[in-house]
C-alpha atoms as a PDB file:
ATOM      1  CA  UNK A   1       0.000   0.000   0.000  1.00  0.00           C
ATOM      2  CA  UNK A   2       1.289   3.445  -0.893  1.00  0.00           C
ATOM      3  CA  UNK A   3       1.962   5.406   2.305  1.00  0.00           C
ATOM      4  CA  UNK A   4      -0.176   8.443   2.892  1.00  0.00           C
ATOM      5  CA  UNK A   5       1.709  11.743   2.407  1.00  0.00           C
ATOM      6  CA  UNK A   6       2.559  13.728   5.497  1.00  0.00           C
ATOM      7  CA  UNK A   7       0.174  16.683   5.430  1.00  0.00           C
ATOM      8  CA  UNK A   8       1.460  18.297   8.600  1.00  0.00           C
ATOM      9  CA  UNK A   9       3.420  21.045   6.830  1.00  0.00           C
ATOM     10  CA  UNK A  10       0.610  21.656   4.336  1.00  0.00           C
ATOM     11  CA  UNK A  11      -1.987  22.004   7.071  1.00  0.00           C
ATOM     12  CA  UNK A  12       0.294  24.278   9.082  1.00  0.00           C
ATOM     13  CA  UNK A  13       0.953  26.483   6.055  1.00  0.00           C
ATOM     14  CA  UNK A  14      -2.763  26.704   5.324  1.00  0.00           C
ATOM     15  CA  UNK A  15      -3.403  27.711   8.914  1.00  0.00           C
ATOM     16  CA  UNK A  16      -0.830  30.501   8.654  1.00  0.00           C
ATOM     17  CA  UNK A  17      -2.433  31.772   5.430  1.00  0.00           C
ATOM     18  CA  UNK A  18      -5.856  31.684   7.062  1.00  0.00           C
ATOM     19  CA  UNK A  19      -4.618  33.624  10.080  1.00  0.00           C
ATOM     20  CA  UNK A  20      -2.890  36.159   7.835  1.00  0.00           C
ATOM     21  CA  UNK A  21      -6.043  36.747   5.790  1.00  0.00           C
ATOM     22  CA  UNK A  22      -7.973  37.554   8.968  1.00  0.00           C
ATOM     23  CA  UNK A  23      -5.478  40.127  10.185  1.00  0.00           C
ATOM     24  CA  UNK A  24      -6.793  43.693  10.264  1.00  0.00           C
ATOM     25  CA  UNK A  25      -5.408  45.838   7.436  1.00  0.00           C
ATOM     26  CA  UNK A  26      -2.528  47.994   8.620  1.00  0.00           C
ATOM     27  CA  UNK A  27      -1.814  45.800  11.632  1.00  0.00           C
ATOM     28  CA  UNK A  28       1.671  44.908  10.378  1.00  0.00           C
ATOM     29  CA  UNK A  29       2.455  48.574   9.807  1.00  0.00           C
ATOM     30  CA  UNK A  30       1.273  49.401  13.337  1.00  0.00           C
ATOM     31  CA  UNK A  31       3.566  46.717  14.782  1.00  0.00           C
ATOM     32  CA  UNK A  32       6.473  48.074  12.749  1.00  0.00           C
ATOM     33  CA  UNK A  33       5.761  51.556  14.106  1.00  0.00           C
ATOM     34  CA  UNK A  34       5.778  50.168  17.663  1.00  0.00           C
ATOM     35  CA  UNK A  35       9.100  48.417  16.991  1.00  0.00           C
ATOM     36  CA  UNK A  36      10.568  51.677  15.677  1.00  0.00           C
ATOM     37  CA  UNK A  37       9.392  53.532  18.789  1.00  0.00           C
ATOM     38  CA  UNK A  38      11.231  51.029  20.990  1.00  0.00           C
ATOM     39  CA  UNK A  39      14.404  51.146  18.879  1.00  0.00           C
ATOM     40  CA  UNK A  40      14.466  54.949  19.004  1.00  0.00           C
ATOM     41  CA  UNK A  41      13.896  54.937  22.759  1.00  0.00           C
ATOM     42  CA  UNK A  42      16.084  51.985  23.823  1.00  0.00           C
ATOM     43  CA  UNK A  43      18.699  51.887  21.076  1.00  0.00           C
ATOM     44  CA  UNK A  44      20.456  48.939  19.463  1.00  0.00           C
ATOM     45  CA  UNK A  45      19.723  46.626  22.406  1.00  0.00           C
ATOM     46  CA  UNK A  46      15.955  46.773  21.778  1.00  0.00           C
ATOM     47  CA  UNK A  47      14.453  43.298  22.143  1.00  0.00           C
ATOM     48  CA  UNK A  48      11.495  41.527  20.577  1.00  0.00           C
ATOM     49  CA  UNK A  49       9.904  41.312  24.044  1.00  0.00           C
ATOM     50  CA  UNK A  50      10.059  45.100  24.405  1.00  0.00           C
ATOM     51  CA  UNK A  51       8.651  45.610  20.921  1.00  0.00           C
ATOM     52  CA  UNK A  52       5.768  43.241  21.592  1.00  0.00           C
ATOM     53  CA  UNK A  53       5.022  44.956  24.914  1.00  0.00           C
ATOM     54  CA  UNK A  54       5.013  48.357  23.177  1.00  0.00           C
ATOM     55  CA  UNK A  55       2.398  47.043  20.734  1.00  0.00           C
ATOM     56  CA  UNK A  56       0.331  45.511  23.554  1.00  0.00           C
ATOM     57  CA  UNK A  57       0.791  41.933  22.340  1.00  0.00           C
ATOM     58  CA  UNK A  58       2.875  38.898  23.241  1.00  0.00           C
ATOM     59  CA  UNK A  59       6.052  37.897  21.443  1.00  0.00           C
ATOM     60  CA  UNK A  60       4.422  34.830  19.771  1.00  0.00           C
ATOM     61  CA  UNK A  61       1.839  37.157  18.202  1.00  0.00           C
ATOM     62  CA  UNK A  62       4.653  39.388  16.925  1.00  0.00           C
ATOM     63  CA  UNK A  63       6.274  36.301  15.379  1.00  0.00           C
ATOM     64  CA  UNK A  64       3.090  35.596  13.411  1.00  0.00           C
ATOM     65  CA  UNK A  65       3.690  38.791  11.488  1.00  0.00           C
ATOM     66  CA  UNK A  66       7.488  38.748  11.165  1.00  0.00           C
ATOM     67  CA  UNK A  67       8.391  35.061  11.628  1.00  0.00           C
ATOM     68  CA  UNK A  68      11.497  35.841  13.735  1.00  0.00           C
ATOM     69  CA  UNK A  69      14.021  38.579  14.495  1.00  0.00           C
ATOM     70  CA  UNK A  70      15.444  38.337  10.985  1.00  0.00           C
ATOM     71  CA  UNK A  71      11.966  38.854   9.551  1.00  0.00           C
ATOM     72  CA  UNK A  72      11.563  42.017  11.600  1.00  0.00           C
ATOM     73  CA  UNK A  73      15.003  43.284  10.564  1.00  0.00           C
ATOM     74  CA  UNK A  74      14.079  42.673   6.915  1.00  0.00           C
ATOM     75  CA  UNK A  75      10.835  44.625   7.297  1.00  0.00           C
ATOM     76  CA  UNK A  76      12.653  47.517   8.986  1.00  0.00           C
ATOM     77  CA  UNK A  77      15.348  47.482   6.288  1.00  0.00           C
ATOM     78  CA  UNK A  78      12.689  47.573   3.559  1.00  0.00           C
ATOM     79  CA  UNK A  79      11.095  50.602   5.158  1.00  0.00           C
ATOM     80  CA  UNK A  80      14.506  52.233   5.593  1.00  0.00           C
ATOM     81  CA  UNK A  81      15.338  51.590   1.922  1.00  0.00           C
ATOM     82  CA  UNK A  82      11.989  52.945   0.681  1.00  0.00           C
ATOM     83  CA  UNK A  83      12.569  56.319   2.320  1.00  0.00           C
ATOM     84  CA  UNK A  84      16.305  56.507   1.604  1.00  0.00           C
ATOM     85  CA  UNK A  85      16.018  55.592  -2.086  1.00  0.00           C
ATOM     86  CA  UNK A  86      13.173  58.095  -2.590  1.00  0.00           C
ATOM     87  CA  UNK A  87      15.239  60.845  -0.999  1.00  0.00           C
ATOM     88  CA  UNK A  88      18.359  59.901  -2.936  1.00  0.00           C
ATOM     89  CA  UNK A  89      16.535  59.853  -6.253  1.00  0.00           C
ATOM     90  CA  UNK A  90      15.097  63.309  -5.557  1.00  0.00           C
ATOM     91  CA  UNK A  91      18.488  64.661  -4.473  1.00  0.00           C
ATOM     92  CA  UNK A  92      20.279  63.133  -7.464  1.00  0.00           C
ATOM     93  CA  UNK A  93      17.688  64.408  -9.916  1.00  0.00           C
ATOM     94  CA  UNK A  94      17.832  67.945  -8.500  1.00  0.00           C
ATOM     95  CA  UNK A  95      21.628  67.903  -8.394  1.00  0.00           C
ATOM     96  CA  UNK A  96      21.890  66.600 -11.953  1.00  0.00           C
ATOM     97  CA  UNK A  97      19.616  69.382 -13.199  1.00  0.00           C
ATOM     98  CA  UNK A  98      21.504  72.057 -11.309  1.00  0.00           C
ATOM     99  CA  UNK A  99      25.057  70.916 -12.032  1.00  0.00           C
ATOM    100  CA  UNK A 100      24.590  69.150 -15.381  1.00  0.00           C
ATOM    101  CA  UNK A 101      28.046  67.590 -15.984  1.00  0.00           C
ATOM    102  CA  UNK A 102      29.536  68.537 -12.584  1.00  0.00           C
ATOM    103  CA  UNK A 103      30.098  65.080 -11.097  1.00  0.00           C
ATOM    104  CA  UNK A 104      31.401  66.491  -7.800  1.00  0.00           C
ATOM    105  CA  UNK A 105      28.140  68.348  -7.192  1.00  0.00           C
ATOM    106  CA  UNK A 106      26.031  65.277  -7.859  1.00  0.00           C
ATOM    107  CA  UNK A 107      28.201  63.061  -5.643  1.00  0.00           C
ATOM    108  CA  UNK A 108      28.210  65.637  -2.833  1.00  0.00           C
ATOM    109  CA  UNK A 109      24.414  65.893  -2.920  1.00  0.00           C
ATOM    110  CA  UNK A 110      24.003  62.100  -2.837  1.00  0.00           C
ATOM    111  CA  UNK A 111      26.396  61.622   0.083  1.00  0.00           C
ATOM    112  CA  UNK A 112      24.866  64.560   1.941  1.00  0.00           C
ATOM    113  CA  UNK A 113      21.408  63.015   1.536  1.00  0.00           C
ATOM    114  CA  UNK A 114      22.607  59.620   2.803  1.00  0.00           C
ATOM    115  CA  UNK A 115      24.469  61.061   5.803  1.00  0.00           C
ATOM    116  CA  UNK A 116      21.530  63.342   6.566  1.00  0.00           C
ATOM    117  CA  UNK A 117      19.263  60.329   6.746  1.00  0.00           C
ATOM    118  CA  UNK A 118      21.642  58.639   9.194  1.00  0.00           C
ATOM    119  CA  UNK A 119      21.721  61.772  11.333  1.00  0.00           C
ATOM    120  CA  UNK A 120      17.932  62.006  11.436  1.00  0.00           C
ATOM    121  CA  UNK A 121      17.429  58.412  12.594  1.00  0.00           C
ATOM    122  CA  UNK A 122      20.706  57.200  14.164  1.00  0.00           C
ATOM    123  CA  UNK A 123      18.964  54.643  16.389  1.00  0.00           C
ATOM    124  CA  UNK A 124      17.365  52.816  13.458  1.00  0.00           C
ATOM    125  CA  UNK A 125      20.549  52.966  11.409  1.00  0.00           C
ATOM    126  CA  UNK A 126      22.580  51.672  14.355  1.00  0.00           C
ATOM    127  CA  UNK A 127      20.090  48.865  14.987  1.00  0.00           C
ATOM    128  CA  UNK A 128      20.216  47.728  11.358  1.00  0.00           C
ATOM    129  CA  UNK A 129      23.995  47.896  11.044  1.00  0.00           C
ATOM    130  CA  UNK A 130      24.533  46.101  14.358  1.00  0.00           C
ATOM    131  CA  UNK A 131      21.981  43.326  13.883  1.00  0.00           C
ATOM    132  CA  UNK A 132      22.237  42.878  10.105  1.00  0.00           C
ATOM    133  CA  UNK A 133      25.804  41.935   9.083  1.00  0.00           C
ATOM    134  CA  UNK A 134      26.994  42.878   5.561  1.00  0.00           C
ATOM    135  CA  UNK A 135      25.909  39.506   4.170  1.00  0.00           C
ATOM    136  CA  UNK A 136      22.389  39.756   5.635  1.00  0.00           C
ATOM    137  CA  UNK A 137      19.793  39.621   2.807  1.00  0.00           C
ATOM    138  CA  UNK A 138      17.998  42.692   4.155  1.00  0.00           C
ATOM    139  CA  UNK A 139      21.157  44.800   4.120  1.00  0.00           C
ATOM    140  CA  UNK A 140      22.162  43.499   0.695  1.00  0.00           C
ATOM    141  CA  UNK A 141      18.736  44.506  -0.625  1.00  0.00           C
ATOM    142  CA  UNK A 142      19.164  48.051   0.750  1.00  0.00           C
ATOM    143  CA  UNK A 143      22.619  48.380  -0.824  1.00  0.00           C
ATOM    144  CA  UNK A 144      21.369  47.072  -4.176  1.00  0.00           C
ATOM    145  CA  UNK A 145      18.517  49.564  -4.297  1.00  0.00           C
ATOM    146  CA  UNK A 146      20.661  52.532  -3.308  1.00  0.00           C
ATOM    147  CA  UNK A 147      23.494  51.513  -5.644  1.00  0.00           C
ATOM    148  CA  UNK A 148      21.015  51.154  -8.496  1.00  0.00           C
ATOM    149  CA  UNK A 149      19.906  54.765  -8.076  1.00  0.00           C
ATOM    150  CA  UNK A 150      23.493  56.026  -8.003  1.00  0.00           C
ATOM    151  CA  UNK A 151      24.647  53.841 -10.920  1.00  0.00           C
ATOM    152  CA  UNK A 152      22.163  55.486 -13.248  1.00  0.00           C
ATOM    153  CA  UNK A 153      23.514  58.949 -12.449  1.00  0.00           C
ATOM    154  CA  UNK A 154      27.152  57.843 -12.871  1.00  0.00           C
ATOM    155  CA  UNK A 155      26.298  56.179 -16.173  1.00  0.00           C
ATOM    156  CA  UNK A 156      24.605  59.311 -17.506  1.00  0.00           C
ATOM    157  CA  UNK A 157      27.384  61.556 -16.245  1.00  0.00           C
ATOM    158  CA  UNK A 158      30.154  59.439 -17.783  1.00  0.00           C
ATOM    159  CA  UNK A 159      28.327  59.234 -21.097  1.00  0.00           C
ATOM    160  CA  UNK A 160      27.865  63.006 -21.193  1.00  0.00           C
ATOM    161  CA  UNK A 161      31.596  63.531 -20.598  1.00  0.00           C
ATOM    162  CA  UNK A 162      32.740  60.937 -23.122  1.00  0.00           C
ATOM    163  CA  UNK A 163      33.796  58.295 -20.593  1.00  0.00           C
ATOM    164  CA  UNK A 164      33.055  54.590 -20.818  1.00  0.00           C
ATOM    165  CA  UNK A 165      29.882  54.023 -18.683  1.00  0.00           C
ATOM    166  CA  UNK A 166      30.540  50.284 -18.255  1.00  0.00           C
ATOM    167  CA  UNK A 167      31.971  50.529 -14.665  1.00  0.00           C
ATOM    168  CA  UNK A 168      28.980  52.549 -13.365  1.00  0.00           C
ATOM    169  CA  UNK A 169      27.461  49.659 -11.412  1.00  0.00           C
ATOM    170  CA  UNK A 170      30.786  48.643  -9.861  1.00  0.00           C
ATOM    171  CA  UNK A 171      31.613  52.228  -8.899  1.00  0.00           C
ATOM    172  CA  UNK A 172      28.120  52.730  -7.442  1.00  0.00           C
ATOM    173  CA  UNK A 173      28.449  49.690  -5.173  1.00  0.00           C
ATOM    174  CA  UNK A 174      31.875  50.883  -4.064  1.00  0.00           C
ATOM    175  CA  UNK A 175      30.499  54.315  -3.184  1.00  0.00           C
ATOM    176  CA  UNK A 176      27.549  52.908  -1.255  1.00  0.00           C
ATOM    177  CA  UNK A 177      29.737  50.458   0.661  1.00  0.00           C
ATOM    178  CA  UNK A 178      32.180  53.196   1.592  1.00  0.00           C
ATOM    179  CA  UNK A 179      29.518  55.687   2.678  1.00  0.00           C
ATOM    180  CA  UNK A 180      27.605  52.985   4.538  1.00  0.00           C
ATOM    181  CA  UNK A 181      30.595  51.894   6.633  1.00  0.00           C
ATOM    182  CA  UNK A 182      31.936  55.421   7.171  1.00  0.00           C
ATOM    183  CA  UNK A 183      28.441  56.576   8.099  1.00  0.00           C
ATOM    184  CA  UNK A 184      27.989  53.738  10.598  1.00  0.00           C
ATOM    185  CA  UNK A 185      31.292  54.619  12.263  1.00  0.00           C
ATOM    186  CA  UNK A 186      30.375  58.299  12.339  1.00  0.00           C
ATOM    187  CA  UNK A 187      26.947  57.568  13.828  1.00  0.00           C
ATOM    188  CA  UNK A 188      28.653  55.726  16.701  1.00  0.00           C
ATOM    189  CA  UNK A 189      31.503  58.161  17.374  1.00  0.00           C
ATOM    190  CA  UNK A 190      30.557  61.610  15.984  1.00  0.00           C
ATOM    191  CA  UNK A 191      34.264  62.536  16.039  1.00  0.00           C
ATOM    192  CA  UNK A 192      33.909  65.024  13.160  1.00  0.00           C
ATOM    193  CA  UNK A 193      31.061  67.224  11.951  1.00  0.00           C
ATOM    194  CA  UNK A 194      28.503  66.101   9.415  1.00  0.00           C
ATOM    195  CA  UNK A 195      29.867  68.651   6.935  1.00  0.00           C
ATOM    196  CA  UNK A 196      33.427  67.336   7.345  1.00  0.00           C
ATOM    197  CA  UNK A 197      32.272  63.756   6.811  1.00  0.00           C
ATOM    198  CA  UNK A 198      30.379  64.674   3.638  1.00  0.00           C
ATOM    199  CA  UNK A 199      33.281  66.748   2.274  1.00  0.00           C
ATOM    200  CA  UNK A 200      35.863  64.039   3.034  1.00  0.00           C
ATOM    201  CA  UNK A 201      33.807  61.307   1.373  1.00  0.00           C
ATOM    202  CA  UNK A 202      33.000  63.504  -1.619  1.00  0.00           C
ATOM    203  CA  UNK A 203      36.696  64.302  -2.128  1.00  0.00           C
ATOM    204  CA  UNK A 204      37.655  60.635  -1.964  1.00  0.00           C
ATOM    205  CA  UNK A 205      34.912  59.521  -4.345  1.00  0.00           C
ATOM    206  CA  UNK A 206      35.382  62.387  -6.809  1.00  0.00           C
ATOM    207  CA  UNK A 207      39.137  61.990  -7.121  1.00  0.00           C
ATOM    208  CA  UNK A 208      38.809  58.250  -7.347  1.00  0.00           C
ATOM    209  CA  UNK A 209      36.205  58.439 -10.090  1.00  0.00           C
ATOM    210  CA  UNK A 210      38.183  61.001 -12.055  1.00  0.00           C
ATOM    211  CA  UNK A 211      41.275  58.838 -11.961  1.00  0.00           C
ATOM    212  CA  UNK A 212      39.436  55.621 -12.728  1.00  0.00           C
ATOM    213  CA  UNK A 213      37.294  56.886 -15.606  1.00  0.00           C
ATOM    214  CA  UNK A 214      38.480  55.765 -19.054  1.00  0.00           C
ATOM    215  CA  UNK A 215      37.850  57.909 -22.144  1.00  0.00           C
ATOM    216  CA  UNK A 216      35.794  56.156 -24.806  1.00  0.00           C
ATOM    217  CA  UNK A 217      37.839  55.095 -27.800  1.00  0.00           C
ATOM    218  CA  UNK A 218      36.621  56.231 -31.241  1.00  0.00           C
ATOM    219  CA  UNK A 219      35.011  53.385 -33.161  1.00  0.00           C
END
């Protein structure tokens, strides 16, 4: 006789879907807001127990929405990326219009926007960088989205100046990685001013890009 298939996982999955479909709209967003309140008040040591208490629920209920701590970190990183990418795209678009082919101006505006975001919400940034290592999928997703926005500007700028745009994606990831790590260190130590940090990073990126750019060869 053919053995009956084990339906335990299927039944459990169906139960999760059923519970999810009955959840009030906006409930997940409200729990995220409660988690953010705790992170901003407590700092990087904020726990799932504290976040659940802030929302007036138990930790198992919180896990129904975010699966585990990694699920919560991913949701917070997504929200972080949504706001940061929107701000970066606006800053890059405005800078590109104002400076046209001035790469330094565009780079300065992008770095200033990124560092400004860190300064406005240092607790969230610290929580994400401390609990999501560089290889964490949530952090990788943030970097990919931010680098994608910057790569487009570098590509357009290089093309306008007659440089080969091929390295745009590589350069964009290098810029984001550098600003991300320097920004995380600055958020912890605040050993220089925001303006000094932005100027130092802009100088390093600008001079590096100028030296690394290769003129297009006539076909």
